Amino acid sequence: MIDPVFTDLVAALDLVVLERLPEGVFQLAVGTLPPAWFAHLFREAAQGEPVTVASAFPFLDTFLAEAERFWEMPRGGRLRSDPFVVTDRSGGEMALVASALAVGRRQFLIIELPDDFEGRRRALQSAREHVLAHEQFVRRVSALVEPASDAARLSGELIDSGLTPRQHSLAAAVRDQLSKVSAALQSLARGQISIF
């Protein structure tokens, strides 16, 4: 007899629990019903043809090879895939995670919607944008290094060109400031000064 608490728990967690049979075929675990999202994706992939889980969800192909090795070596715990994104025919995207685990001699494949995926995806996207912005900043700064160094060098030549004492003093002050700007730009271009 199926424990109704198990059925309710699987439904509440929005999980697909598939049991691997000895022939390598997967079937829904007894007493469970697939969530609507899974039934929708599976129906779209099947299109009325006989279908396997791997053909309906090609992303599982690589993971199932790893899962086979996991199931061959008896141990506790579970093997969990990285999140992957599935696109349905209407262009809608859904992130999924697969897990392989064994309970006694029985082998299970669990497919779930990771609740933290969107937050992690936004954080990764934000990190990528920061890296790109930093790289663009470094390129722009690098483009200024040579002109600033040239300006400092030219001000040095100006100092040696027979200026009046007052002009010499001003040119030396300009050269010193340009040297500081050049050094700061070189440090920024090498990434030695954090912009974040």
N, C-alpha and C. Protein backbone atom coordinates (compact mmCIF):
# COMPACT_ATOMS: atom_id res chain seq x y z
N MET A 1 0.84 -1.18 0.00
CA MET A 1 0.00 0.00 0.00
C MET A 1 0.89 1.25 0.00
N ILE A 2 0.51 2.23 -0.80
CA ILE A 2 1.26 3.47 -0.91
C ILE A 2 0.88 4.39 0.25
N ASP A 3 1.91 4.91 0.91
CA ASP A 3 1.68 5.85 2.00
C ASP A 3 1.23 7.18 1.39
N PRO A 4 0.04 7.68 1.73
CA PRO A 4 -0.44 8.93 1.14
C PRO A 4 0.45 10.12 1.51
N VAL A 5 1.15 10.04 2.63
CA VAL A 5 2.05 11.13 3.02
C VAL A 5 3.19 11.24 1.99
N PHE A 6 3.69 10.08 1.51
CA PHE A 6 4.74 10.08 0.49
C PHE A 6 4.23 10.76 -0.78
N THR A 7 3.04 10.39 -1.21
CA THR A 7 2.46 10.98 -2.41
C THR A 7 2.29 12.48 -2.25
N ASP A 8 1.78 12.91 -1.10
CA ASP A 8 1.58 14.34 -0.85
C ASP A 8 2.91 15.08 -0.77
N LEU A 9 3.92 14.45 -0.18
CA LEU A 9 5.23 15.07 -0.05
C LEU A 9 5.86 15.29 -1.42
N VAL A 10 5.82 14.28 -2.27
CA VAL A 10 6.37 14.41 -3.63
C VAL A 10 5.63 15.51 -4.39
N ALA A 11 4.32 15.56 -4.26
CA ALA A 11 3.53 16.60 -4.94
C ALA A 11 3.86 17.98 -4.40
N ALA A 12 3.99 18.11 -3.07
CA ALA A 12 4.28 19.41 -2.46
C ALA A 12 5.66 19.93 -2.88
N LEU A 13 6.61 19.02 -3.05
CA LEU A 13 7.97 19.41 -3.45
C LEU A 13 8.09 19.60 -4.96
N ASP A 14 7.02 19.30 -5.70
CA ASP A 14 7.00 19.48 -7.15
C ASP A 14 8.08 18.64 -7.83
N LEU A 15 8.22 17.40 -7.37
CA LEU A 15 9.25 16.50 -7.88
C LEU A 15 8.68 15.51 -8.87
N VAL A 16 9.55 15.05 -9.77
CA VAL A 16 9.25 13.89 -10.60
C VAL A 16 10.14 12.78 -10.06
N VAL A 17 9.53 11.70 -9.61
CA VAL A 17 10.30 10.57 -9.10
C VAL A 17 10.13 9.40 -10.06
N LEU A 18 11.24 9.05 -10.73
CA LEU A 18 11.22 7.95 -11.69
C LEU A 18 12.06 6.81 -11.13
N GLU A 19 11.55 5.61 -11.25
CA GLU A 19 12.32 4.45 -10.81
C GLU A 19 12.92 3.77 -12.02
N ARG A 20 14.19 3.42 -11.89
CA ARG A 20 14.88 2.71 -12.97
C ARG A 20 14.61 1.23 -12.80
N LEU A 21 14.04 0.61 -13.81
CA LEU A 21 13.75 -0.82 -13.79
C LEU A 21 14.98 -1.58 -14.29
N PRO A 22 15.05 -2.89 -14.04
CA PRO A 22 16.24 -3.67 -14.43
C PRO A 22 16.61 -3.55 -15.91
N GLU A 23 15.66 -3.35 -16.78
CA GLU A 23 15.96 -3.26 -18.22
C GLU A 23 16.50 -1.88 -18.58
N GLY A 24 16.68 -1.00 -17.61
CA GLY A 24 17.16 0.35 -17.90
C GLY A 24 16.04 1.30 -18.27
N VAL A 25 14.79 0.85 -18.14
CA VAL A 25 13.63 1.68 -18.44
C VAL A 25 13.24 2.44 -17.18
N PHE A 26 12.73 3.65 -17.36
CA PHE A 26 12.27 4.44 -16.22
C PHE A 26 10.75 4.52 -16.24
N GLN A 27 10.18 4.43 -15.05
CA GLN A 27 8.73 4.64 -14.93
C GLN A 27 8.49 5.49 -13.70
N LEU A 28 7.36 6.19 -13.70
CA LEU A 28 7.02 6.99 -12.52
C LEU A 28 6.95 6.08 -11.31
N ALA A 29 7.50 6.55 -10.21
CA ALA A 29 7.45 5.77 -8.97
C ALA A 29 5.99 5.55 -8.60
N VAL A 30 5.71 4.37 -8.12
CA VAL A 30 4.34 3.99 -7.77
C VAL A 30 3.77 5.00 -6.78
N GLY A 31 2.56 5.45 -7.06
CA GLY A 31 1.87 6.36 -6.16
C GLY A 31 2.18 7.82 -6.40
N THR A 32 2.97 8.11 -7.41
CA THR A 32 3.26 9.52 -7.69
C THR A 32 2.67 9.93 -9.03
N LEU A 33 2.34 11.18 -9.13
CA LEU A 33 1.86 11.75 -10.38
C LEU A 33 2.84 12.84 -10.79
N PRO A 34 3.09 12.96 -12.09
CA PRO A 34 4.04 14.00 -12.50
C PRO A 34 3.42 15.39 -12.32
N PRO A 35 4.24 16.36 -11.92
CA PRO A 35 3.71 17.72 -11.84
C PRO A 35 3.32 18.22 -13.23
N ALA A 36 2.52 19.25 -13.27
CA ALA A 36 2.02 19.77 -14.55
C ALA A 36 3.16 20.20 -15.47
N TRP A 37 4.22 20.81 -14.91
CA TRP A 37 5.33 21.27 -15.76
C TRP A 37 6.00 20.10 -16.47
N PHE A 38 6.13 18.96 -15.78
CA PHE A 38 6.78 17.79 -16.37
C PHE A 38 5.88 17.17 -17.43
N ALA A 39 4.61 17.04 -17.11
CA ALA A 39 3.67 16.46 -18.07
C ALA A 39 3.64 17.30 -19.35
N HIS A 40 3.68 18.63 -19.20
CA HIS A 40 3.66 19.52 -20.36
C HIS A 40 4.92 19.32 -21.21
N LEU A 41 6.09 19.33 -20.59
CA LEU A 41 7.34 19.17 -21.34
C LEU A 41 7.42 17.78 -21.98
N PHE A 42 7.02 16.76 -21.25
CA PHE A 42 7.11 15.40 -21.77
C PHE A 42 6.16 15.22 -22.95
N ARG A 43 4.96 15.75 -22.82
CA ARG A 43 3.97 15.64 -23.90
C ARG A 43 4.48 16.36 -25.15
N GLU A 44 5.10 17.55 -24.98
CA GLU A 44 5.63 18.28 -26.13
C GLU A 44 6.75 17.52 -26.80
N ALA A 45 7.59 16.88 -25.99
CA ALA A 45 8.73 16.14 -26.56
C ALA A 45 8.26 14.87 -27.25
N ALA A 46 7.22 14.25 -26.72
CA ALA A 46 6.78 12.96 -27.24
C ALA A 46 6.06 13.08 -28.59
N GLN A 47 5.20 14.06 -28.75
CA GLN A 47 4.42 14.26 -29.97
C GLN A 47 3.74 12.98 -30.44
N GLY A 48 3.24 12.20 -29.52
CA GLY A 48 2.49 11.00 -29.88
C GLY A 48 3.35 9.81 -30.26
N GLU A 49 4.67 9.93 -30.22
CA GLU A 49 5.58 8.83 -30.55
C GLU A 49 6.06 8.15 -29.27
N PRO A 50 6.46 6.87 -29.37
CA PRO A 50 7.07 6.26 -28.20
C PRO A 50 8.32 7.05 -27.83
N VAL A 51 8.52 7.29 -26.56
CA VAL A 51 9.60 8.17 -26.15
C VAL A 51 10.24 7.68 -24.85
N THR A 52 11.52 7.94 -24.72
CA THR A 52 12.22 7.64 -23.46
C THR A 52 12.47 8.96 -22.76
N VAL A 53 12.81 8.88 -21.49
CA VAL A 53 13.10 10.09 -20.73
C VAL A 53 14.27 10.83 -21.38
N ALA A 54 15.30 10.09 -21.79
CA ALA A 54 16.48 10.73 -22.39
C ALA A 54 16.15 11.39 -23.73
N SER A 55 15.26 10.79 -24.53
CA SER A 55 14.92 11.42 -25.81
C SER A 55 14.00 12.61 -25.60
N ALA A 56 13.15 12.55 -24.58
CA ALA A 56 12.28 13.70 -24.28
C ALA A 56 13.08 14.85 -23.68
N PHE A 57 14.10 14.51 -22.93
CA PHE A 57 14.94 15.52 -22.27
C PHE A 57 16.40 15.21 -22.58
N PRO A 58 16.89 15.66 -23.74
CA PRO A 58 18.25 15.30 -24.17
C PRO A 58 19.33 15.67 -23.16
N PHE A 59 19.08 16.69 -22.33
CA PHE A 59 20.07 17.08 -21.34
C PHE A 59 20.37 15.96 -20.36
N LEU A 60 19.45 15.00 -20.23
CA LEU A 60 19.64 13.90 -19.29
C LEU A 60 20.61 12.84 -19.81
N ASP A 61 20.88 12.85 -21.11
CA ASP A 61 21.71 11.82 -21.71
C ASP A 61 23.07 11.70 -21.01
N THR A 62 23.79 12.80 -20.90
CA THR A 62 25.09 12.79 -20.24
C THR A 62 24.96 12.44 -18.76
N PHE A 63 23.95 13.03 -18.11
CA PHE A 63 23.77 12.77 -16.69
C PHE A 63 23.44 11.30 -16.44
N LEU A 64 22.63 10.68 -17.31
CA LEU A 64 22.28 9.27 -17.11
C LEU A 64 23.50 8.36 -17.19
N ALA A 65 24.48 8.72 -18.03
CA ALA A 65 25.72 7.94 -18.09
C ALA A 65 26.44 8.01 -16.75
N GLU A 66 26.49 9.20 -16.15
CA GLU A 66 27.10 9.36 -14.82
C GLU A 66 26.28 8.62 -13.77
N ALA A 67 24.96 8.68 -13.90
CA ALA A 67 24.08 8.02 -12.94
C ALA A 67 24.26 6.51 -12.98
N GLU A 68 24.46 5.94 -14.17
CA GLU A 68 24.68 4.49 -14.28
C GLU A 68 25.91 4.08 -13.46
N ARG A 69 26.99 4.85 -13.57
CA ARG A 69 28.20 4.56 -12.78
C ARG A 69 27.92 4.71 -11.29
N PHE A 70 27.13 5.72 -10.95
CA PHE A 70 26.78 5.97 -9.55
C PHE A 70 25.98 4.79 -8.99
N TRP A 71 25.01 4.30 -9.75
CA TRP A 71 24.18 3.20 -9.28
C TRP A 71 24.96 1.89 -9.20
N GLU A 72 25.98 1.71 -10.03
CA GLU A 72 26.78 0.48 -9.99
C GLU A 72 27.60 0.35 -8.72
N MET A 73 27.98 1.48 -8.13
CA MET A 73 28.82 1.46 -6.93
C MET A 73 27.94 1.80 -5.73
N PRO A 74 27.59 0.80 -4.92
CA PRO A 74 26.68 1.07 -3.80
C PRO A 74 27.31 2.04 -2.80
N ARG A 75 26.63 3.12 -2.56
CA ARG A 75 27.05 4.10 -1.56
C ARG A 75 25.86 4.98 -1.24
N GLY A 76 25.96 5.70 -0.17
CA GLY A 76 24.86 6.59 0.22
C GLY A 76 24.92 7.89 -0.56
N GLY A 77 24.05 8.79 -0.22
CA GLY A 77 24.03 10.10 -0.85
C GLY A 77 23.33 10.09 -2.18
N ARG A 78 23.60 11.12 -2.93
CA ARG A 78 22.98 11.22 -4.25
C ARG A 78 23.94 11.94 -5.19
N LEU A 79 23.72 11.71 -6.46
CA LEU A 79 24.46 12.38 -7.51
C LEU A 79 23.52 13.44 -8.08
N ARG A 80 23.96 14.68 -8.06
CA ARG A 80 23.10 15.79 -8.48
C ARG A 80 23.73 16.48 -9.69
N SER A 81 22.91 16.77 -10.68
CA SER A 81 23.40 17.47 -11.88
C SER A 81 23.48 18.96 -11.61
N ASP A 82 24.19 19.65 -12.48
CA ASP A 82 24.13 21.11 -12.49
C ASP A 82 22.78 21.50 -13.07
N PRO A 83 22.30 22.70 -12.78
CA PRO A 83 21.04 23.13 -13.40
C PRO A 83 21.20 23.23 -14.92
N PHE A 84 20.15 22.90 -15.62
CA PHE A 84 20.13 23.04 -17.07
C PHE A 84 18.78 23.66 -17.44
N VAL A 85 18.77 24.32 -18.57
CA VAL A 85 17.56 25.03 -18.99
C VAL A 85 16.91 24.29 -20.15
N VAL A 86 15.62 24.08 -20.04
CA VAL A 86 14.83 23.42 -21.09
C VAL A 86 13.91 24.48 -21.68
N THR A 87 13.81 24.48 -23.00
CA THR A 87 12.93 25.42 -23.69
C THR A 87 11.79 24.65 -24.33
N ASP A 88 10.57 25.10 -24.07
CA ASP A 88 9.43 24.43 -24.69
C ASP A 88 9.16 25.05 -26.07
N ARG A 89 8.16 24.53 -26.77
CA ARG A 89 7.89 24.97 -28.14
C ARG A 89 7.49 26.45 -28.21
N SER A 90 6.95 26.98 -27.14
CA SER A 90 6.54 28.39 -27.16
C SER A 90 7.69 29.32 -26.80
N GLY A 91 8.87 28.76 -26.52
CA GLY A 91 10.04 29.58 -26.18
C GLY A 91 10.20 29.82 -24.70
N GLY A 92 9.28 29.27 -23.90
CA GLY A 92 9.41 29.42 -22.46
C GLY A 92 10.57 28.59 -21.92
N GLU A 93 11.29 29.15 -20.96
CA GLU A 93 12.44 28.45 -20.39
C GLU A 93 12.13 27.97 -18.98
N MET A 94 12.72 26.83 -18.64
CA MET A 94 12.54 26.26 -17.31
C MET A 94 13.86 25.63 -16.89
N ALA A 95 14.32 25.97 -15.71
CA ALA A 95 15.54 25.37 -15.18
C ALA A 95 15.17 24.10 -14.42
N LEU A 96 15.96 23.05 -14.64
CA LEU A 96 15.72 21.76 -13.98
C LEU A 96 17.03 21.23 -13.41
N VAL A 97 16.91 20.35 -12.42
CA VAL A 97 18.05 19.64 -11.85
C VAL A 97 17.65 18.18 -11.73
N ALA A 98 18.58 17.29 -12.07
CA ALA A 98 18.32 15.85 -11.94
C ALA A 98 19.20 15.30 -10.83
N SER A 99 18.68 14.31 -10.13
CA SER A 99 19.45 13.62 -9.09
C SER A 99 19.27 12.13 -9.26
N ALA A 100 20.35 11.40 -9.02
CA ALA A 100 20.29 9.93 -9.00
C ALA A 100 20.53 9.50 -7.56
N LEU A 101 19.73 8.53 -7.11
CA LEU A 101 19.96 7.98 -5.78
C LEU A 101 19.45 6.55 -5.75
N ALA A 102 19.96 5.82 -4.77
CA ALA A 102 19.54 4.43 -4.60
C ALA A 102 19.01 4.26 -3.19
N VAL A 103 17.93 3.52 -3.10
CA VAL A 103 17.36 3.17 -1.80
C VAL A 103 17.30 1.65 -1.78
N GLY A 104 18.18 1.05 -0.99
CA GLY A 104 18.32 -0.40 -1.04
C GLY A 104 18.80 -0.80 -2.42
N ARG A 105 18.09 -1.70 -3.06
CA ARG A 105 18.45 -2.13 -4.42
C ARG A 105 17.71 -1.34 -5.49
N ARG A 106 16.86 -0.42 -5.07
CA ARG A 106 16.06 0.35 -6.04
C ARG A 106 16.81 1.63 -6.42
N GLN A 107 16.70 1.96 -7.70
CA GLN A 107 17.41 3.13 -8.24
C GLN A 107 16.39 4.15 -8.73
N PHE A 108 16.63 5.41 -8.36
CA PHE A 108 15.68 6.46 -8.68
C PHE A 108 16.36 7.63 -9.39
N LEU A 109 15.59 8.24 -10.27
CA LEU A 109 15.97 9.48 -10.94
C LEU A 109 14.94 10.51 -10.53
N ILE A 110 15.41 11.60 -9.95
CA ILE A 110 14.50 12.66 -9.50
C ILE A 110 14.78 13.91 -10.33
N ILE A 111 13.73 14.52 -10.84
CA ILE A 111 13.86 15.76 -11.59
C ILE A 111 13.06 16.82 -10.85
N GLU A 112 13.70 17.98 -10.66
CA GLU A 112 13.05 19.03 -9.88
C GLU A 112 13.34 20.40 -10.45
N LEU A 113 12.53 21.35 -10.04
CA LEU A 113 12.74 22.76 -10.36
C LEU A 113 13.54 23.37 -9.21
N PRO A 114 14.79 23.78 -9.43
CA PRO A 114 15.56 24.36 -8.32
C PRO A 114 15.03 25.74 -7.98
N ASP A 115 14.66 25.94 -6.73
CA ASP A 115 14.07 27.22 -6.35
C ASP A 115 15.09 28.35 -6.27
N ASP A 116 16.37 28.04 -6.18
CA ASP A 116 17.38 29.09 -6.08
C ASP A 116 18.04 29.42 -7.41
N PHE A 117 17.58 28.80 -8.50
CA PHE A 117 18.25 28.96 -9.78
C PHE A 117 18.20 30.40 -10.29
N GLU A 118 17.03 31.03 -10.25
CA GLU A 118 16.90 32.38 -10.78
C GLU A 118 17.79 33.36 -10.02
N GLY A 119 17.85 33.23 -8.71
CA GLY A 119 18.72 34.11 -7.92
C GLY A 119 20.18 33.92 -8.29
N ARG A 120 20.59 32.66 -8.45
CA ARG A 120 21.98 32.39 -8.83
C ARG A 120 22.25 32.88 -10.24
N ARG A 121 21.28 32.72 -11.15
CA ARG A 121 21.49 33.18 -12.52
C ARG A 121 21.62 34.70 -12.56
N ARG A 122 20.80 35.40 -11.77
CA ARG A 122 20.92 36.86 -11.71
C ARG A 122 22.27 37.28 -11.13
N ALA A 123 22.73 36.58 -10.10
CA ALA A 123 24.03 36.91 -9.50
C ALA A 123 25.17 36.68 -10.49
N LEU A 124 25.11 35.56 -11.23
CA LEU A 124 26.14 35.29 -12.23
C LEU A 124 26.10 36.33 -13.35
N GLN A 125 24.90 36.70 -13.77
CA GLN A 125 24.78 37.71 -14.82
C GLN A 125 25.35 39.04 -14.34
N SER A 126 25.05 39.39 -13.11
CA SER A 126 25.58 40.64 -12.55
C SER A 126 27.11 40.58 -12.47
N ALA A 127 27.65 39.44 -12.05
CA ALA A 127 29.11 39.30 -11.99
C ALA A 127 29.72 39.41 -13.38
N ARG A 128 29.10 38.79 -14.38
CA ARG A 128 29.60 38.90 -15.76
C ARG A 128 29.59 40.35 -16.23
N GLU A 129 28.51 41.06 -15.92
CA GLU A 129 28.42 42.47 -16.33
C GLU A 129 29.50 43.30 -15.66
N HIS A 130 29.78 43.02 -14.38
CA HIS A 130 30.86 43.75 -13.68
C HIS A 130 32.21 43.45 -14.30
N VAL A 131 32.45 42.19 -14.65
CA VAL A 131 33.73 41.83 -15.28
C VAL A 131 33.87 42.53 -16.62
N LEU A 132 32.81 42.52 -17.42
CA LEU A 132 32.86 43.20 -18.72
C LEU A 132 33.07 44.70 -18.56
N ALA A 133 32.41 45.30 -17.58
CA ALA A 133 32.58 46.74 -17.34
C ALA A 133 34.02 47.03 -16.90
N HIS A 134 34.56 46.16 -16.06
CA HIS A 134 35.95 46.33 -15.61
C HIS A 134 36.91 46.21 -16.78
N GLU A 135 36.70 45.20 -17.64
CA GLU A 135 37.57 45.02 -18.81
C GLU A 135 37.49 46.23 -19.73
N GLN A 136 36.30 46.77 -19.92
CA GLN A 136 36.14 47.96 -20.77
C GLN A 136 36.84 49.15 -20.13
N PHE A 137 36.72 49.29 -18.82
CA PHE A 137 37.39 50.37 -18.10
C PHE A 137 38.91 50.26 -18.27
N VAL A 138 39.45 49.05 -18.11
CA VAL A 138 40.89 48.85 -18.24
C VAL A 138 41.34 49.18 -19.67
N ARG A 139 40.55 48.79 -20.68
CA ARG A 139 40.90 49.12 -22.07
C ARG A 139 40.94 50.64 -22.28
N ARG A 140 39.96 51.33 -21.73
CA ARG A 140 39.92 52.79 -21.89
C ARG A 140 41.11 53.45 -21.18
N VAL A 141 41.40 52.98 -19.98
CA VAL A 141 42.54 53.54 -19.25
C VAL A 141 43.84 53.23 -19.99
N SER A 142 43.96 52.01 -20.49
CA SER A 142 45.18 51.63 -21.23
C SER A 142 45.39 52.54 -22.44
N ALA A 143 44.30 52.95 -23.06
CA ALA A 143 44.41 53.83 -24.22
C ALA A 143 44.92 55.22 -23.83
N LEU A 144 44.81 55.59 -22.55
CA LEU A 144 45.28 56.90 -22.08
C LEU A 144 46.73 56.88 -21.60
N VAL A 145 47.26 55.69 -21.33
CA VAL A 145 48.61 55.59 -20.76
C VAL A 145 49.65 56.20 -21.68
N GLU A 146 49.65 55.82 -22.93
CA GLU A 146 50.68 56.32 -23.86
C GLU A 146 50.59 57.83 -24.08
N PRO A 147 49.38 58.38 -24.34
CA PRO A 147 49.32 59.84 -24.49
C PRO A 147 49.77 60.59 -23.23
N ALA A 148 49.44 60.09 -22.05
CA ALA A 148 49.87 60.76 -20.82
C ALA A 148 51.39 60.68 -20.66
N SER A 149 51.97 59.54 -20.97
CA SER A 149 53.43 59.40 -20.91
C SER A 149 54.10 60.32 -21.93
N ASP A 150 53.53 60.39 -23.14
CA ASP A 150 54.07 61.29 -24.17
C ASP A 150 54.00 62.74 -23.72
N ALA A 151 52.89 63.14 -23.10
CA ALA A 151 52.75 64.52 -22.64
C ALA A 151 53.78 64.84 -21.56
N ALA A 152 54.03 63.87 -20.64
CA ALA A 152 55.07 64.09 -19.61
C ALA A 152 56.44 64.22 -20.25
N ARG A 153 56.71 63.38 -21.25
CA ARG A 153 58.01 63.45 -21.95
C ARG A 153 58.16 64.78 -22.69
N LEU A 154 57.10 65.21 -23.36
CA LEU A 154 57.16 66.48 -24.09
C LEU A 154 57.33 67.67 -23.16
N SER A 155 56.71 67.61 -21.99
CA SER A 155 56.90 68.71 -21.03
C SER A 155 58.35 68.75 -20.54
N GLY A 156 58.97 67.57 -20.44
CA GLY A 156 60.40 67.52 -20.09
C GLY A 156 61.26 68.16 -21.17
N GLU A 157 60.92 67.90 -22.42
CA GLU A 157 61.66 68.54 -23.53
C GLU A 157 61.45 70.05 -23.52
N LEU A 158 60.24 70.47 -23.18
CA LEU A 158 59.95 71.90 -23.11
C LEU A 158 60.81 72.57 -22.04
N ILE A 159 61.00 71.90 -20.91
CA ILE A 159 61.83 72.44 -19.82
C ILE A 159 63.25 72.68 -20.32
N ASP A 160 63.76 71.78 -21.16
CA ASP A 160 65.14 71.88 -21.64
C ASP A 160 65.28 72.79 -22.86
N SER A 161 64.23 73.52 -23.24
CA SER A 161 64.29 74.32 -24.47
C SER A 161 64.64 75.79 -24.24
N GLY A 162 65.18 76.15 -23.09
CA GLY A 162 65.60 77.53 -22.85
C GLY A 162 64.48 78.43 -22.41
N LEU A 163 63.67 78.00 -21.49
CA LEU A 163 62.57 78.81 -20.98
C LEU A 163 63.06 79.81 -19.95
N THR A 164 62.24 80.82 -19.71
CA THR A 164 62.53 81.76 -18.62
C THR A 164 62.37 81.00 -17.31
N PRO A 165 62.95 81.50 -16.22
CA PRO A 165 62.79 80.80 -14.94
C PRO A 165 61.31 80.54 -14.58
N ARG A 166 60.47 81.50 -14.81
CA ARG A 166 59.05 81.33 -14.49
C ARG A 166 58.43 80.24 -15.38
N GLN A 167 58.70 80.25 -16.69
CA GLN A 167 58.20 79.24 -17.61
C GLN A 167 58.77 77.86 -17.25
N HIS A 168 60.04 77.83 -16.88
CA HIS A 168 60.69 76.58 -16.48
C HIS A 168 59.98 75.97 -15.27
N SER A 169 59.67 76.83 -14.31
CA SER A 169 58.99 76.38 -13.09
C SER A 169 57.60 75.82 -13.40
N LEU A 170 56.87 76.52 -14.28
CA LEU A 170 55.53 76.06 -14.66
C LEU A 170 55.60 74.75 -15.45
N ALA A 171 56.54 74.66 -16.39
CA ALA A 171 56.69 73.44 -17.19
C ALA A 171 57.07 72.26 -16.30
N ALA A 172 57.93 72.50 -15.29
CA ALA A 172 58.32 71.43 -14.37
C ALA A 172 57.12 70.96 -13.55
N ALA A 173 56.27 71.91 -13.13
CA ALA A 173 55.06 71.55 -12.38
C ALA A 173 54.12 70.73 -13.26
N VAL A 174 53.97 71.13 -14.53
CA VAL A 174 53.12 70.38 -15.47
C VAL A 174 53.69 68.98 -15.67
N ARG A 175 55.00 68.87 -15.87
CA ARG A 175 55.64 67.56 -16.06
C ARG A 175 55.41 66.66 -14.84
N ASP A 176 55.57 67.21 -13.63
CA ASP A 176 55.38 66.42 -12.41
C ASP A 176 53.94 65.90 -12.31
N GLN A 177 52.97 66.78 -12.63
CA GLN A 177 51.57 66.36 -12.56
C GLN A 177 51.26 65.31 -13.63
N LEU A 178 51.79 65.50 -14.82
CA LEU A 178 51.58 64.52 -15.89
C LEU A 178 52.23 63.18 -15.55
N SER A 179 53.37 63.21 -14.89
CA SER A 179 54.03 61.96 -14.46
C SER A 179 53.16 61.22 -13.45
N LYS A 180 52.54 61.97 -12.53
CA LYS A 180 51.64 61.34 -11.55
C LYS A 180 50.42 60.73 -12.24
N VAL A 181 49.85 61.49 -13.20
CA VAL A 181 48.70 60.97 -13.95
C VAL A 181 49.09 59.72 -14.71
N SER A 182 50.25 59.76 -15.37
CA SER A 182 50.72 58.61 -16.14
C SER A 182 50.91 57.38 -15.24
N ALA A 183 51.54 57.59 -14.07
CA ALA A 183 51.76 56.47 -13.14
C ALA A 183 50.43 55.90 -12.64
N ALA A 184 49.47 56.78 -12.35
CA ALA A 184 48.15 56.32 -11.88
C ALA A 184 47.44 55.53 -12.97
N LEU A 185 47.52 56.02 -14.20
CA LEU A 185 46.89 55.32 -15.32
C LEU A 185 47.53 53.95 -15.54
N GLN A 186 48.85 53.87 -15.43
CA GLN A 186 49.54 52.59 -15.60
C GLN A 186 49.11 51.60 -14.52
N SER A 187 48.96 52.10 -13.27
CA SER A 187 48.50 51.22 -12.19
C SER A 187 47.08 50.72 -12.45
N LEU A 188 46.22 51.62 -12.91
CA LEU A 188 44.84 51.22 -13.23
C LEU A 188 44.83 50.21 -14.37
N ALA A 189 45.65 50.44 -15.38
CA ALA A 189 45.67 49.53 -16.53
C ALA A 189 46.16 48.14 -16.14
N ARG A 190 47.03 48.07 -15.13
CA ARG A 190 47.51 46.76 -14.66
C ARG A 190 46.55 46.14 -13.65
N GLY A 191 45.49 46.86 -13.33
CA GLY A 191 44.49 46.32 -12.40
C GLY A 191 44.95 46.37 -10.97
N GLN A 192 45.91 47.23 -10.65
CA GLN A 192 46.43 47.29 -9.29
C GLN A 192 45.59 48.16 -8.39
N ILE A 193 44.69 48.94 -8.98
CA ILE A 193 43.79 49.77 -8.19
C ILE A 193 42.38 49.27 -8.44
N SER A 194 41.69 48.90 -7.39
CA SER A 194 40.33 48.37 -7.55
C SER A 194 39.37 49.48 -7.87
N ILE A 195 38.48 49.22 -8.84
CA ILE A 195 37.46 50.22 -9.16
C ILE A 195 36.13 49.86 -8.51
N PHE A 196 36.05 48.73 -7.82
CA PHE A 196 34.79 48.31 -7.21
C PHE A 196 34.87 48.46 -5.72
